[in-house]
Each structure stands twice: as C-alpha cells, then as structure tokens.
Amino acid sequence: FLPVSKAQLSQTQQLISPHIHKTPVVTSRMLN
C-alpha cells in the first residue's frame, strides 16, 4: 500500500514544472 499514487506524482510534476528548474544530471569519469 502506497499513500501516494503514480497518478498523483505525475499530476504534481505537471503542476509544478512551470515554476521550477529541471535540474541537470552530470557525470564525472574520474569519480566513476
């Protein structure tokens, strides 16, 4: 049982996306 559904998460993402940054994912060969 999960108190937050997949649909609720998708709705939240759609709701807030105009107001936040989609932050980058970075990698580092040395850290790898």
All heavy atoms as atom14 arrays in JSON, in Angstrom:
{
  "sequence": "FLPVSKAQLSQTQQLISPHIHKTPVVTSRMLN",
  "atom14_mask": [
    [1, 1, 1, 1, 1, 1, 1, 1, 1, 1, 1, 0, 0, 0],
    [1, 1, 1, 1, 1, 1, 1, 1, 0, 0, 0, 0, 0, 0],
    [1, 1, 1, 1, 1, 1, 1, 0, 0, 0, 0, 0, 0, 0],
    [1, 1, 1, 1, 1, 1, 1, 0, 0, 0, 0, 0, 0, 0],
    [1, 1, 1, 1, 1, 1, 0, 0, 0, 0, 0, 0, 0, 0],
    [1, 1, 1, 1, 1, 1, 1, 1, 1, 0, 0, 0, 0, 0],
    [1, 1, 1, 1, 1, 0, 0, 0, 0, 0, 0, 0, 0, 0],
    [1, 1, 1, 1, 1, 1, 1, 1, 1, 0, 0, 0, 0, 0],
    [1, 1, 1, 1, 1, 1, 1, 1, 0, 0, 0, 0, 0, 0],
    [1, 1, 1, 1, 1, 1, 0, 0, 0, 0, 0, 0, 0, 0],
    [1, 1, 1, 1, 1, 1, 1, 1, 1, 0, 0, 0, 0, 0],
    [1, 1, 1, 1, 1, 1, 1, 0, 0, 0, 0, 0, 0, 0],
    [1, 1, 1, 1, 1, 1, 1, 1, 1, 0, 0, 0, 0, 0],
    [1, 1, 1, 1, 1, 1, 1, 1, 1, 0, 0, 0, 0, 0],
    [1, 1, 1, 1, 1, 1, 1, 1, 0, 0, 0, 0, 0, 0],
    [1, 1, 1, 1, 1, 1, 1, 1, 0, 0, 0, 0, 0, 0],
    [1, 1, 1, 1, 1, 1, 0, 0, 0, 0, 0, 0, 0, 0],
    [1, 1, 1, 1, 1, 1, 1, 0, 0, 0, 0, 0, 0, 0],
    [1, 1, 1, 1, 1, 1, 1, 1, 1, 1, 0, 0, 0, 0],
    [1, 1, 1, 1, 1, 1, 1, 1, 0, 0, 0, 0, 0, 0],
    [1, 1, 1, 1, 1, 1, 1, 1, 1, 1, 0, 0, 0, 0],
    [1, 1, 1, 1, 1, 1, 1, 1, 1, 0, 0, 0, 0, 0],
    [1, 1, 1, 1, 1, 1, 1, 0, 0, 0, 0, 0, 0, 0],
    [1, 1, 1, 1, 1, 1, 1, 0, 0, 0, 0, 0, 0, 0],
    [1, 1, 1, 1, 1, 1, 1, 0, 0, 0, 0, 0, 0, 0],
    [1, 1, 1, 1, 1, 1, 1, 0, 0, 0, 0, 0, 0, 0],
    [1, 1, 1, 1, 1, 1, 1, 0, 0, 0, 0, 0, 0, 0],
    [1, 1, 1, 1, 1, 1, 0, 0, 0, 0, 0, 0, 0, 0],
    [1, 1, 1, 1, 1, 1, 1, 1, 1, 1, 1, 0, 0, 0],
    [1, 1, 1, 1, 1, 1, 1, 1, 0, 0, 0, 0, 0, 0],
    [1, 1, 1, 1, 1, 1, 1, 1, 0, 0, 0, 0, 0, 0],
    [1, 1, 1, 1, 1, 1, 1, 1, 0, 0, 0, 0, 0, 0]
  ],
  "atom14_positions": [
    [[0.85, -1.2, 0.0], [0.0, 0.0, 0.0], [0.88, 1.24, 0.0], [1.75, 1.4, 0.85], [-0.91, 0.03, 1.21], [-1.63, 1.35, 1.38], [-2.67, 1.7, 0.53], [-1.23, 2.26, 2.36], [-3.32, 2.92, 0.67], [-1.87, 3.47, 2.5], [-2.93, 3.8, 1.65], [0.0, 0.0, 0.0], [0.0, 0.0, 0.0], [0.0, 0.0, 0.0]],
    [[0.66, 2.13, -0.97], [1.4, 3.38, -1.03], [0.42, 4.54, -0.87], [-0.59, 4.61, -1.59], [2.13, 3.5, -2.37], [3.19, 2.41, -2.65], [3.81, 2.62, -4.03], [4.25, 2.4, -1.58], [0.0, 0.0, 0.0], [0.0, 0.0, 0.0], [0.0, 0.0, 0.0], [0.0, 0.0, 0.0], [0.0, 0.0, 0.0], [0.0, 0.0, 0.0]],
    [[0.68, 5.45, 0.06], [-0.25, 6.55, 0.33], [-0.29, 7.61, -0.76], [-1.16, 8.49, -0.73], [0.27, 7.13, 1.65], [1.73, 6.8, 1.64], [1.83, 5.47, 0.96], [0.0, 0.0, 0.0], [0.0, 0.0, 0.0], [0.0, 0.0, 0.0], [0.0, 0.0, 0.0], [0.0, 0.0, 0.0], [0.0, 0.0, 0.0], [0.0, 0.0, 0.0]],
    [[0.65, 7.54, -1.69], [0.68, 8.47, -2.82], [0.72, 7.64, -4.09], [1.58, 6.77, -4.25], [1.91, 9.4, -2.76], [1.95, 10.3, -3.98], [1.9, 10.22, -1.47], [0.0, 0.0, 0.0], [0.0, 0.0, 0.0], [0.0, 0.0, 0.0], [0.0, 0.0, 0.0], [0.0, 0.0, 0.0], [0.0, 0.0, 0.0], [0.0, 0.0, 0.0]],
    [[-0.2, 7.89, -5.01], [-0.31, 7.08, -6.21], [0.6, 7.59, -7.33], [1.1, 8.73, -7.29], [-1.75, 7.08, -6.73], [-2.1, 8.36, -7.22], [0.0, 0.0, 0.0], [0.0, 0.0, 0.0], [0.0, 0.0, 0.0], [0.0, 0.0, 0.0], [0.0, 0.0, 0.0], [0.0, 0.0, 0.0], [0.0, 0.0, 0.0], [0.0, 0.0, 0.0]],
    [[0.8, 6.76, -8.33], [1.58, 7.14, -9.5], [0.93, 8.32, -10.21], [1.61, 9.25, -10.66], [1.69, 5.94, -10.44], [2.6, 6.15, -11.65], [2.74, 4.87, -12.45], [3.73, 5.02, -13.59], [3.91, 3.73, -14.35], [0.0, 0.0, 0.0], [0.0, 0.0, 0.0], [0.0, 0.0, 0.0], [0.0, 0.0, 0.0], [0.0, 0.0, 0.0]],
    [[-0.39, 8.29, -10.29], [-1.12, 9.39, -10.93], [-0.93, 10.7, -10.17], [-0.76, 11.77, -10.79], [-2.6, 9.05, -11.04], [0.0, 0.0, 0.0], [0.0, 0.0, 0.0], [0.0, 0.0, 0.0], [0.0, 0.0, 0.0], [0.0, 0.0, 0.0], [0.0, 0.0, 0.0], [0.0, 0.0, 0.0], [0.0, 0.0, 0.0], [0.0, 0.0, 0.0]],
    [[-0.94, 10.64, -8.86], [-0.74, 11.85, -8.06], [0.65, 12.44, -8.29], [0.82, 13.66, -8.36], [-0.94, 11.54, -6.58], [-2.39, 11.35, -6.17], [-2.53, 10.95, -4.71], [-1.83, 10.07, -4.21], [-3.43, 11.62, -4.01], [0.0, 0.0, 0.0], [0.0, 0.0, 0.0], [0.0, 0.0, 0.0], [0.0, 0.0, 0.0], [0.0, 0.0, 0.0]],
    [[1.66, 11.58, -8.38], [3.01, 12.06, -8.64], [3.1, 12.71, -10.02], [3.72, 13.78, -10.17], [4.02, 10.93, -8.53], [4.27, 10.35, -7.13], [5.38, 9.31, -7.18], [4.61, 11.44, -6.12], [0.0, 0.0, 0.0], [0.0, 0.0, 0.0], [0.0, 0.0, 0.0], [0.0, 0.0, 0.0], [0.0, 0.0, 0.0], [0.0, 0.0, 0.0]],
    [[2.49, 12.1, -11.0], [2.51, 12.67, -12.35], [1.78, 14.01, -12.38], [2.23, 14.97, -13.03], [1.87, 11.7, -13.35], [2.63, 10.51, -13.46], [0.0, 0.0, 0.0], [0.0, 0.0, 0.0], [0.0, 0.0, 0.0], [0.0, 0.0, 0.0], [0.0, 0.0, 0.0], [0.0, 0.0, 0.0], [0.0, 0.0, 0.0], [0.0, 0.0, 0.0]],
    [[0.67, 14.1, -11.68], [-0.08, 15.36, -11.6], [0.74, 16.45, -10.92], [0.74, 17.6, -11.36], [-1.4, 15.13, -10.85], [-2.4, 14.29, -11.62], [-3.53, 13.78, -10.75], [-3.6, 14.06, -9.54], [-4.44, 13.01, -11.34], [0.0, 0.0, 0.0], [0.0, 0.0, 0.0], [0.0, 0.0, 0.0], [0.0, 0.0, 0.0], [0.0, 0.0, 0.0]],
    [[1.44, 16.07, -9.85], [2.29, 17.04, -9.15], [3.4, 17.55, -10.04], [3.68, 18.75, -10.08], [2.88, 16.4, -7.88], [1.82, 16.02, -7.0], [3.81, 17.37, -7.15], [0.0, 0.0, 0.0], [0.0, 0.0, 0.0], [0.0, 0.0, 0.0], [0.0, 0.0, 0.0], [0.0, 0.0, 0.0], [0.0, 0.0, 0.0], [0.0, 0.0, 0.0]],
    [[4.02, 16.64, -10.77], [5.1, 17.04, -11.68], [4.59, 18.03, -12.73], [5.24, 19.03, -13.01], [5.71, 15.81, -12.35], [6.93, 16.12, -13.21], [7.58, 14.87, -13.77], [6.89, 13.95, -14.21], [8.9, 14.82, -13.74], [0.0, 0.0, 0.0], [0.0, 0.0, 0.0], [0.0, 0.0, 0.0], [0.0, 0.0, 0.0], [0.0, 0.0, 0.0]],
    [[3.45, 17.75, -13.27], [2.86, 18.66, -14.27], [2.51, 20.0, -13.65], [2.68, 21.06, -14.27], [1.61, 18.0, -14.88], [0.98, 18.8, -16.0], [-0.2, 18.07, -16.63], [-0.67, 17.06, -16.12], [-0.67, 18.57, -17.77], [0.0, 0.0, 0.0], [0.0, 0.0, 0.0], [0.0, 0.0, 0.0], [0.0, 0.0, 0.0], [0.0, 0.0, 0.0]],
    [[2.03, 19.96, -12.4], [1.61, 21.17, -11.71], [2.77, 22.12, -11.42], [2.66, 23.33, -11.62], [0.92, 20.77, -10.39], [0.27, 21.88, -9.55], [-0.96, 22.43, -10.26], [-0.1, 21.34, -8.17], [0.0, 0.0, 0.0], [0.0, 0.0, 0.0], [0.0, 0.0, 0.0], [0.0, 0.0, 0.0], [0.0, 0.0, 0.0], [0.0, 0.0, 0.0]],
    [[3.89, 21.56, -10.98], [4.98, 22.43, -10.52], [6.03, 22.72, -11.59], [6.83, 23.65, -11.43], [5.68, 21.84, -9.27], [6.53, 20.62, -9.62], [4.66, 21.53, -8.18], [7.38, 20.12, -8.45], [0.0, 0.0, 0.0], [0.0, 0.0, 0.0], [0.0, 0.0, 0.0], [0.0, 0.0, 0.0], [0.0, 0.0, 0.0], [0.0, 0.0, 0.0]],
    [[6.03, 21.96, -12.67], [7.1, 22.09, -13.66], [7.29, 23.5, -14.23], [8.43, 23.9, -14.5], [6.93, 21.08, -14.79], [5.71, 21.27, -15.47], [0.0, 0.0, 0.0], [0.0, 0.0, 0.0], [0.0, 0.0, 0.0], [0.0, 0.0, 0.0], [0.0, 0.0, 0.0], [0.0, 0.0, 0.0], [0.0, 0.0, 0.0], [0.0, 0.0, 0.0]],
    [[6.21, 24.3, -14.4], [6.46, 25.66, -14.92], [7.17, 26.57, -13.92], [7.63, 27.65, -14.29], [5.03, 26.18, -15.21], [4.17, 24.96, -15.28], [4.77, 24.01, -14.3], [0.0, 0.0, 0.0], [0.0, 0.0, 0.0], [0.0, 0.0, 0.0], [0.0, 0.0, 0.0], [0.0, 0.0, 0.0], [0.0, 0.0, 0.0], [0.0, 0.0, 0.0]],
    [[7.25, 26.14, -12.66], [7.75, 27.02, -11.6], [9.11, 26.61, -11.04], [9.64, 27.3, -10.17], [6.73, 27.06, -10.45], [5.35, 27.42, -10.88], [4.96, 28.71, -11.14], [4.26, 26.63, -11.12], [3.69, 28.72, -11.51], [3.24, 27.48, -11.52], [0.0, 0.0, 0.0], [0.0, 0.0, 0.0], [0.0, 0.0, 0.0], [0.0, 0.0, 0.0]],
    [[9.66, 25.52, -11.52], [10.94, 25.04, -11.03], [11.89, 24.77, -12.2], [11.47, 24.81, -13.36], [10.78, 23.75, -10.2], [10.25, 22.61, -11.09], [9.87, 23.97, -8.99], [10.32, 21.24, -10.46], [0.0, 0.0, 0.0], [0.0, 0.0, 0.0], [0.0, 0.0, 0.0], [0.0, 0.0, 0.0], [0.0, 0.0, 0.0], [0.0, 0.0, 0.0]],
    [[13.15, 24.5, -11.88], [14.11, 24.09, -12.89], [14.1, 22.56, -13.02], [14.0, 21.86, -12.01], [15.53, 24.52, -12.54], [15.73, 26.0, -12.48], [15.12, 26.87, -13.35], [16.48, 26.76, -11.64], [15.49, 28.1, -13.07], [16.31, 28.07, -12.03], [0.0, 0.0, 0.0], [0.0, 0.0, 0.0], [0.0, 0.0, 0.0], [0.0, 0.0, 0.0]],
    [[14.21, 22.08, -14.25], [14.54, 20.67, -14.44], [16.06, 20.59, -14.35], [16.78, 20.95, -15.28], [14.05, 20.16, -15.8], [14.36, 18.69, -16.01], [13.91, 18.19, -17.38], [14.26, 16.71, -17.55], [13.88, 16.21, -18.9], [0.0, 0.0, 0.0], [0.0, 0.0, 0.0], [0.0, 0.0, 0.0], [0.0, 0.0, 0.0], [0.0, 0.0, 0.0]],
    [[16.56, 20.15, -13.23], [17.99, 20.21, -12.96], [18.77, 19.19, -13.78], [18.26, 18.11, -14.09], [18.26, 19.99, -11.46], [17.62, 18.78, -11.03], [17.74, 21.16, -10.65], [0.0, 0.0, 0.0], [0.0, 0.0, 0.0], [0.0, 0.0, 0.0], [0.0, 0.0, 0.0], [0.0, 0.0, 0.0], [0.0, 0.0, 0.0], [0.0, 0.0, 0.0]],
    [[20.01, 19.5, -14.1], [20.8, 18.59, -14.92], [21.3, 17.38, -14.15], [21.41, 17.39, -12.93], [21.98, 19.46, -15.37], [22.13, 20.48, -14.28], [20.73, 20.76, -13.81], [0.0, 0.0, 0.0], [0.0, 0.0, 0.0], [0.0, 0.0, 0.0], [0.0, 0.0, 0.0], [0.0, 0.0, 0.0], [0.0, 0.0, 0.0], [0.0, 0.0, 0.0]],
    [[21.6, 16.33, -14.9], [22.29, 15.16, -14.38], [23.71, 15.2, -14.94], [23.89, 15.26, -16.16], [21.59, 13.85, -14.8], [22.39, 12.63, -14.32], [20.17, 13.8, -14.25], [0.0, 0.0, 0.0], [0.0, 0.0, 0.0], [0.0, 0.0, 0.0], [0.0, 0.0, 0.0], [0.0, 0.0, 0.0], [0.0, 0.0, 0.0], [0.0, 0.0, 0.0]],
    [[24.71, 15.19, -14.06], [26.09, 15.28, -14.52], [26.85, 14.01, -14.16], [26.46, 13.27, -13.24], [26.82, 16.51, -13.93], [26.09, 17.79, -14.27], [26.99, 16.37, -12.42], [0.0, 0.0, 0.0], [0.0, 0.0, 0.0], [0.0, 0.0, 0.0], [0.0, 0.0, 0.0], [0.0, 0.0, 0.0], [0.0, 0.0, 0.0], [0.0, 0.0, 0.0]],
    [[27.91, 13.77, -14.9], [28.76, 12.61, -14.65], [30.22, 13.07, -14.58], [30.55, 14.18, -15.03], [28.62, 11.55, -15.74], [28.97, 12.13, -17.01], [27.2, 11.0, -15.81], [0.0, 0.0, 0.0], [0.0, 0.0, 0.0], [0.0, 0.0, 0.0], [0.0, 0.0, 0.0], [0.0, 0.0, 0.0], [0.0, 0.0, 0.0], [0.0, 0.0, 0.0]],
    [[31.07, 12.22, -14.03], [32.49, 12.51, -13.95], [33.27, 11.22, -14.16], [33.1, 10.26, -13.38], [32.85, 13.12, -12.59], [34.24, 13.07, -12.34], [0.0, 0.0, 0.0], [0.0, 0.0, 0.0], [0.0, 0.0, 0.0], [0.0, 0.0, 0.0], [0.0, 0.0, 0.0], [0.0, 0.0, 0.0], [0.0, 0.0, 0.0], [0.0, 0.0, 0.0]],
    [[34.09, 11.2, -15.19], [34.87, 9.99, -15.47], [35.78, 9.65, -14.3], [35.94, 8.49, -13.91], [35.69, 10.2, -16.74], [36.47, 8.96, -17.2], [37.25, 9.25, -18.47], [36.37, 9.71, -19.54], [36.8, 10.15, -20.72], [38.11, 10.2, -20.96], [35.95, 10.54, -21.64], [0.0, 0.0, 0.0], [0.0, 0.0, 0.0], [0.0, 0.0, 0.0]],
    [[36.39, 10.7, -13.7], [37.31, 10.46, -12.6], [36.58, 9.88, -11.38], [37.07, 8.95, -10.72], [38.0, 11.78, -12.22], [38.99, 11.66, -11.08], [38.18, 11.95, -9.47], [39.54, 11.56, -8.39], [0.0, 0.0, 0.0], [0.0, 0.0, 0.0], [0.0, 0.0, 0.0], [0.0, 0.0, 0.0], [0.0, 0.0, 0.0], [0.0, 0.0, 0.0]],
    [[35.4, 10.43, -11.06], [34.65, 9.91, -9.92], [34.14, 8.5, -10.19], [34.06, 7.67, -9.28], [33.49, 10.86, -9.58], [33.9, 12.24, -9.05], [32.68, 13.12, -8.82], [34.72, 12.11, -7.77], [0.0, 0.0, 0.0], [0.0, 0.0, 0.0], [0.0, 0.0, 0.0], [0.0, 0.0, 0.0], [0.0, 0.0, 0.0], [0.0, 0.0, 0.0]],
    [[33.8, 8.22, -11.44], [33.42, 6.85, -11.81], [34.57, 5.88, -11.56], [34.38, 4.78, -11.01], [33.01, 6.77, -13.28], [31.63, 7.35, -13.55], [30.9, 7.69, -12.62], [31.28, 7.48, -14.82], [0.0, 0.0, 0.0], [0.0, 0.0, 0.0], [0.0, 0.0, 0.0], [0.0, 0.0, 0.0], [0.0, 0.0, 0.0], [0.0, 0.0, 0.0]]
  ]
}
